C-alpha cells in the first residue's frame, strides 16, 4: 500500500507514467468511466477548500466511484476532540482511499502511519500540497510539451505558499530550469529553499518588481497573499495588493509565456486577462481533475 505525502514520493519515471495516464484519461474518458465502480473515496477536509475537494470528488465520480467525507473540521468529530489517528482508523473501515487536508503540518503523515487505506495529502498548513504540484507539472507538460528547459517566475506569497514550495522541490529534478522569485521582502522565499538550490547549482534570482523580469519568463506562477497565514491583519492589508498582473504588465511578456495560478484568485490577476490565450489557470484546474483521476487509479492499483 502506498500513500502520497509529497511530490517527491514519486520518482521522475513514475511521474511520467502518471502523466501519461492522465493524458490518456483526457483523450478517452469513456474508457475509464467505470474503473472505480464499487470503490469509495473519503474526503477529510479540516479546513475550507473549493477546487481541491471538488476536483477529488469529480475525479472519483468520473471514475465511477463514490465519495463520502466532510468539508470542515466543525462538521466532523474533530470538533469533539477526536484525534487524526482515530479518525483515519474509522475512515479505513468505510472507504478505500482518503484525501486529507489539514491546517497542521504533518497531520496527513500521522494519518498515513495509522491508516489501512492509501492516504493522499491534499494540503497540510504551509507545508506541502502535492496534488496541486502534480496538477502544475501536468499543465506545464501538456501546454509546453516538456518539463525542463525554461525560466519560471514565482510571484507573490513565497514565504507561506505551500504550492510554491512543493513546485520548486519537484521542478529541481528536471534539466535546465531557472527560477526567478518575485516578492516583497516580508514574503520572500525561505532560506531552506534557496540553500537547496545553491547546493544543486540551480540558477535563481530574487527581485521585488515584476515588470523588470516579465520579458525573461517562459512561465509565470502567480499566487495570492494568504490572509489565513497571517497573524497580523495590518501586515496582510499592507501586502495583499502588492502585485496585480494586468494588461500593461502582460504586454512586457513573450507571446508564448503562460500564466499559472493555483487559485483561488483574489485580485492579483486582473479579470481582463482571462481571455488572453496565455492565461492558463482555468485550464490548469481542469488538468487537476485528470491528474487526480490518474493518482486514484495508481494508488488503488487499478489498471484499465
Protein backbone atom coordinates (compact mmCIF):
# COMPACT_ATOMS: atom_id res chain seq x y z
CA UNK A 1 0.00 0.00 0.00
CA UNK A 2 1.25 3.42 -0.94
CA UNK A 3 0.46 6.98 0.19
CA UNK A 4 1.19 10.39 -1.34
CA UNK A 5 2.55 12.89 1.17
CA UNK A 6 4.94 14.83 -1.10
CA UNK A 7 5.57 15.17 -4.85
CA UNK A 8 8.96 13.63 -4.09
CA UNK A 9 7.26 10.34 -3.16
CA UNK A 10 7.16 9.58 -6.89
CA UNK A 11 10.29 9.25 -8.99
CA UNK A 12 10.55 11.20 -12.25
CA UNK A 13 9.85 7.95 -14.13
CA UNK A 14 6.76 7.26 -12.01
CA UNK A 15 5.54 10.80 -12.61
CA UNK A 16 5.91 10.32 -16.35
CA UNK A 17 3.73 7.21 -16.16
CA UNK A 18 1.20 9.11 -14.05
CA UNK A 19 1.10 11.98 -16.55
CA UNK A 20 0.81 9.57 -19.47
CA UNK A 21 -2.19 8.00 -17.72
CA UNK A 22 -3.71 11.45 -17.11
CA UNK A 23 -3.25 12.28 -20.81
CA UNK A 24 -4.93 9.00 -21.75
CA UNK A 25 -7.87 9.84 -19.47
CA UNK A 26 -8.17 13.29 -21.07
CA UNK A 27 -8.20 11.80 -24.57
CA UNK A 28 -10.52 8.88 -23.83
CA UNK A 29 -12.61 9.48 -20.67
CA UNK A 30 -15.19 6.82 -21.55
CA UNK A 31 -12.52 4.13 -21.24
CA UNK A 32 -12.13 4.95 -17.52
CA UNK A 33 -15.75 5.76 -16.66
CA UNK A 34 -16.30 2.54 -14.67
CA UNK A 35 -12.77 1.90 -13.38
CA UNK A 36 -13.64 2.62 -9.74
CA UNK A 37 -17.11 1.12 -9.53
CA UNK A 38 -17.64 -0.22 -6.02
CA UNK A 39 -14.81 1.93 -4.60
CA UNK A 40 -15.22 4.81 -2.15
CA UNK A 41 -13.09 7.94 -1.70
CA UNK A 42 -13.23 9.72 1.67
CA UNK A 43 -12.52 13.46 1.52
CA UNK A 44 -11.49 14.56 5.02
CA UNK A 45 -11.08 18.33 4.87
CA UNK A 46 -10.30 20.03 8.16
CA UNK A 47 -10.12 23.46 6.52
CA UNK A 48 -12.12 25.06 3.68
CA UNK A 49 -11.41 24.18 0.06
CA UNK A 50 -13.27 24.52 -3.20
CA UNK A 51 -11.01 23.35 -6.02
CA UNK A 52 -9.08 20.61 -4.26
CA UNK A 53 -12.05 18.95 -2.56
CA UNK A 54 -14.39 19.23 -5.53
CA UNK A 55 -11.73 18.12 -8.00
CA UNK A 56 -11.11 14.98 -5.92
CA UNK A 57 -14.84 14.33 -5.77
CA UNK A 58 -15.18 14.99 -9.51
CA UNK A 59 -12.25 12.67 -10.22
CA UNK A 60 -13.73 9.77 -8.25
CA UNK A 61 -17.21 10.32 -9.72
CA UNK A 62 -15.82 10.37 -13.27
CA UNK A 63 -14.13 7.04 -12.50
CA UNK A 64 -17.47 5.53 -11.47
CA UNK A 65 -16.73 5.52 -7.74
CA UNK A 66 -18.47 7.13 -4.78
CA UNK A 67 -17.48 9.84 -2.30
CA UNK A 68 -18.05 10.33 1.42
CA UNK A 69 -16.47 12.83 3.79
CA UNK A 70 -16.65 16.23 5.47
CA UNK A 71 -15.76 19.73 4.30
CA UNK A 72 -14.60 21.34 7.55
CA UNK A 73 -13.46 20.27 10.99
CA UNK A 74 -16.61 21.65 12.59
CA UNK A 75 -18.75 19.04 10.85
CA UNK A 76 -16.52 16.16 11.98
CA UNK A 77 -15.75 14.53 15.31
CA UNK A 78 -12.61 16.68 15.44
CA UNK A 79 -14.95 19.29 16.97
CA UNK A 80 -15.41 16.82 19.85
CA UNK A 81 -11.68 16.32 20.24
CA UNK A 82 -11.16 13.17 18.18
CA UNK A 83 -7.56 12.71 17.01
CA UNK A 84 -6.50 12.39 13.38
CA UNK A 85 -5.21 8.90 14.19
CA UNK A 86 -8.59 7.74 15.46
CA UNK A 87 -10.45 9.41 12.60
CA UNK A 88 -8.39 7.65 9.94
CA UNK A 89 -8.77 4.28 11.68
CA UNK A 90 -12.54 4.72 11.44
CA UNK A 91 -12.43 6.07 7.87
CA UNK A 92 -10.38 3.00 6.90
CA UNK A 93 -13.44 0.90 7.78
CA UNK A 94 -15.66 2.89 5.42
CA UNK A 95 -13.57 3.85 2.38
CA UNK A 96 -10.92 2.51 0.01
CA UNK A 97 -8.82 5.67 -0.25
CA UNK A 98 -8.67 9.02 1.59
CA UNK A 99 -7.76 12.58 0.60
CA UNK A 100 -6.98 14.69 3.68
CA UNK A 101 -6.46 18.43 4.09
CA UNK A 102 -5.42 19.75 7.48
CA UNK A 103 -4.17 23.11 8.80
CA UNK A 104 -1.43 21.41 10.86
CA UNK A 105 1.75 20.44 9.07
CA UNK A 106 2.36 16.72 9.14
CA UNK A 107 -1.21 15.71 10.05
CA UNK A 108 -1.72 13.63 6.86
CA UNK A 109 1.55 11.84 7.62
CA UNK A 110 0.24 10.94 11.07
CA UNK A 111 -2.91 9.62 9.39
CA UNK A 112 -0.90 7.58 6.87
CA UNK A 113 1.00 5.87 9.68
CA UNK A 114 -2.26 4.55 11.18
CA UNK A 115 -4.30 4.08 8.01
CA UNK A 116 -5.33 0.80 6.42
CA UNK A 117 -6.04 2.56 3.11
CA UNK A 118 -3.97 4.89 0.87
CA UNK A 119 -3.89 8.49 2.15
CA UNK A 120 -3.34 11.47 -0.12
CA UNK A 121 -2.08 14.72 1.40
CA UNK A 122 -4.47 17.35 0.00
CA UNK A 123 -2.59 20.16 1.75
CA UNK A 124 -1.14 20.49 5.25
CA UNK A 125 -0.75 24.04 6.50
CA UNK A 126 2.07 25.91 4.80
CA UNK A 127 3.99 22.70 4.22
CA UNK A 128 3.01 20.63 1.17
CA UNK A 129 0.29 20.45 -1.46
CA UNK A 130 1.43 17.54 -3.64
CA UNK A 131 -1.65 17.12 -5.83
CA UNK A 132 -1.51 20.81 -6.75
CA UNK A 133 2.11 20.24 -7.73
CA UNK A 134 1.11 17.25 -9.86
CA UNK A 135 -1.52 19.49 -11.46
CA UNK A 136 1.08 22.19 -12.14
CA UNK A 137 3.54 19.72 -13.66
CA UNK A 138 0.89 18.12 -15.89
CA UNK A 139 -0.26 21.57 -17.03
CA UNK A 140 3.29 22.60 -17.95
CA UNK A 141 3.99 19.31 -19.72
CA UNK A 142 0.71 19.41 -21.62
CA UNK A 143 0.94 23.05 -22.72
CA UNK A 144 4.72 23.39 -23.16
CA UNK A 145 5.31 19.84 -24.40
CA UNK A 146 8.03 19.09 -21.86
CA UNK A 147 9.24 19.55 -18.30
CA UNK A 148 12.56 21.36 -18.26
CA UNK A 149 14.37 23.95 -20.32
CA UNK A 150 12.53 27.07 -19.16
CA UNK A 151 12.62 30.11 -16.87
CA UNK A 152 9.80 30.25 -14.36
CA UNK A 153 8.87 33.28 -12.27
CA UNK A 154 7.06 32.68 -8.99
CA UNK A 155 5.30 35.78 -7.72
CA UNK A 156 3.52 36.84 -4.54
CA UNK A 157 3.49 34.98 -1.24
CA UNK A 158 6.64 32.89 -1.49
CA UNK A 159 7.07 32.61 2.29
CA UNK A 160 3.84 30.82 3.21
CA UNK A 161 2.84 29.48 -0.21
CA UNK A 162 2.86 25.68 0.06
CA UNK A 163 2.10 25.36 -3.65
CA UNK A 164 5.27 27.31 -4.44
CA UNK A 165 7.47 25.27 -2.10
CA UNK A 166 6.16 21.96 -3.47
CA UNK A 167 6.52 23.03 -7.10
CA UNK A 168 10.12 24.18 -6.65
CA UNK A 169 11.10 20.90 -4.99
CA UNK A 170 9.52 18.96 -7.85
CA UNK A 171 10.99 21.07 -10.66
CA UNK A 172 14.60 20.81 -9.48
CA UNK A 173 14.61 17.21 -10.73
CA UNK A 174 14.22 18.39 -14.32
CA UNK A 175 17.01 19.80 -16.50
CA UNK A 176 17.86 23.41 -17.31
CA UNK A 177 15.35 25.25 -15.15
CA UNK A 178 15.94 28.78 -13.88
CA UNK A 179 13.88 30.32 -11.10
CA UNK A 180 13.03 33.99 -10.57
CA UNK A 181 11.44 34.73 -7.19
CA UNK A 182 9.31 37.89 -7.17
CA UNK A 183 8.09 39.04 -3.77
CA UNK A 184 8.23 41.82 -1.18
CA UNK A 185 10.92 41.37 1.43
CA UNK A 186 8.37 40.24 4.04
CA UNK A 187 7.17 37.35 1.85
CA UNK A 188 10.44 36.23 0.29
CA UNK A 189 11.26 32.60 -0.38
CA UNK A 190 12.53 30.75 2.74
CA UNK A 191 16.26 30.21 3.15
CA UNK A 192 15.91 26.43 3.10
CA UNK A 193 14.68 26.65 -0.50
CA UNK A 194 17.50 28.91 -1.70
CA UNK A 195 20.04 26.81 0.22
CA UNK A 196 18.77 23.74 -1.61
CA UNK A 197 19.06 25.50 -4.98
CA UNK A 198 22.61 26.60 -4.18
CA UNK A 199 23.58 23.05 -3.19
CA UNK A 200 22.32 21.78 -6.55
CA UNK A 201 23.87 24.66 -8.54
CA UNK A 202 20.47 25.69 -9.87
CA UNK A 203 20.20 29.28 -11.08
CA UNK A 204 17.82 31.62 -9.28
CA UNK A 205 17.27 35.32 -8.82
CA UNK A 206 15.29 37.30 -6.25
CA UNK A 207 13.59 40.55 -7.26
CA UNK A 208 10.84 42.82 -5.97
CA UNK A 209 9.47 44.32 -9.21
CA UNK A 210 7.54 42.01 -11.52
CA UNK A 211 7.89 44.35 -14.51
CA UNK A 212 11.66 44.04 -14.70
CA UNK A 213 11.62 40.28 -15.30
CA UNK A 214 8.48 39.74 -17.42
CA UNK A 215 10.41 39.60 -20.74
CA UNK A 216 12.62 36.79 -19.39
CA UNK A 217 9.83 34.40 -18.38
CA UNK A 218 8.51 31.29 -20.11
CA UNK A 219 6.10 30.69 -17.21
CA UNK A 220 4.70 32.99 -14.54
CA UNK A 221 3.24 31.33 -11.43
CA UNK A 222 1.10 33.87 -9.59
CA UNK A 223 -0.06 33.34 -6.02
CA UNK A 224 -2.41 35.20 -3.71
CA UNK A 225 -1.31 36.71 -0.42
CA UNK A 226 -2.97 34.29 2.01
CA UNK A 227 -4.91 36.03 4.75
CA UNK A 228 -5.24 32.78 6.73
CA UNK A 229 -1.44 32.50 7.11
CA UNK A 230 -1.05 35.96 8.71
CA UNK A 231 -1.05 36.63 12.44
CA UNK A 232 -1.34 40.39 11.94
CA UNK A 233 -4.17 41.76 9.80
CA UNK A 234 -2.35 45.05 9.30
CA UNK A 235 0.50 43.22 7.56
CA UNK A 236 -1.99 41.37 5.36
CA UNK A 237 -3.77 44.58 4.31
CA UNK A 238 -0.43 46.26 3.54
CA UNK A 239 0.79 43.41 1.33
CA UNK A 240 -2.36 41.95 -0.24
CA UNK A 241 -2.30 44.22 -3.31
CA UNK A 242 1.48 44.32 -3.71
CA UNK A 243 1.25 42.56 -7.10
CA UNK A 244 -1.56 42.88 -9.61
CA UNK A 245 -0.97 41.34 -13.04
CA UNK A 246 -2.78 43.43 -15.65
CA UNK A 247 -2.69 44.08 -19.39
CA UNK A 248 0.10 46.63 -19.13
CA UNK A 249 2.41 44.12 -17.43
CA UNK A 250 1.39 41.32 -19.83
CA UNK A 251 2.45 43.49 -22.77
CA UNK A 252 6.01 43.08 -21.48
CA UNK A 253 5.80 39.27 -21.72
CA UNK A 254 6.59 36.98 -24.64
CA UNK A 255 3.78 35.69 -26.84
CA UNK A 256 4.34 32.11 -25.61
CA UNK A 257 4.62 32.90 -21.89
CA UNK A 258 1.98 31.08 -19.80
CA UNK A 259 0.38 32.37 -16.61
CA UNK A 260 -0.44 29.76 -13.98
CA UNK A 261 -2.23 30.21 -10.65
CA UNK A 262 -3.27 27.53 -8.11
CA UNK A 263 -6.42 29.56 -7.34
CA UNK A 264 -8.41 30.96 -5.63
CA UNK A 265 -7.64 34.31 -7.17
CA UNK A 266 -8.46 37.43 -5.20
CA UNK A 267 -7.30 40.40 -7.28
CA UNK A 268 -3.67 39.55 -8.09
CA UNK A 269 -4.65 38.75 -11.70
CA UNK A 270 -6.96 41.23 -13.39
CA UNK A 271 -10.07 39.64 -14.89
CA UNK A 272 -9.25 41.48 -18.13
CA UNK A 273 -6.56 38.83 -18.71
CA UNK A 274 -8.91 35.84 -18.53
CA UNK A 275 -9.40 35.79 -22.30
CA UNK A 276 -5.68 36.17 -23.05
CA UNK A 277 -4.51 32.89 -24.66
CA UNK A 278 -1.52 32.94 -22.31
CA UNK A 279 -3.81 32.75 -19.25
CA UNK A 280 -3.74 29.03 -18.39
CA UNK A 281 -5.12 28.97 -14.85
CA UNK A 282 -8.61 27.68 -15.68
CA UNK A 283 -7.13 25.01 -17.96
CA UNK A 284 -4.85 24.21 -15.03
CA UNK A 285 -7.93 23.49 -12.87
CA UNK A 286 -9.18 21.01 -15.48
CA UNK A 287 -5.82 19.23 -15.57
CA UNK A 288 -6.20 18.88 -11.79
CA UNK A 289 -9.13 16.51 -12.29
CA UNK A 290 -7.24 14.36 -14.82
CA UNK A 291 -4.17 14.03 -12.63
CA UNK A 292 -6.23 13.17 -9.54
CA UNK A 293 -8.08 10.52 -11.55
CA UNK A 294 -4.72 9.07 -12.56
CA UNK A 295 -3.47 9.23 -8.96
CA UNK A 296 -6.52 7.43 -7.56
CA UNK A 297 -6.12 4.65 -10.13
CA UNK A 298 -2.40 4.40 -9.39
CA UNK A 299 -2.73 4.21 -5.60
CA UNK A 300 -5.60 1.73 -5.82
CA UNK A 301 -3.51 -0.28 -8.30
CA UNK A 302 -6.34 -0.35 -10.85
CA UNK A 303 -5.42 -0.92 -14.48
CA UNK A 304 -7.81 -0.33 -17.37
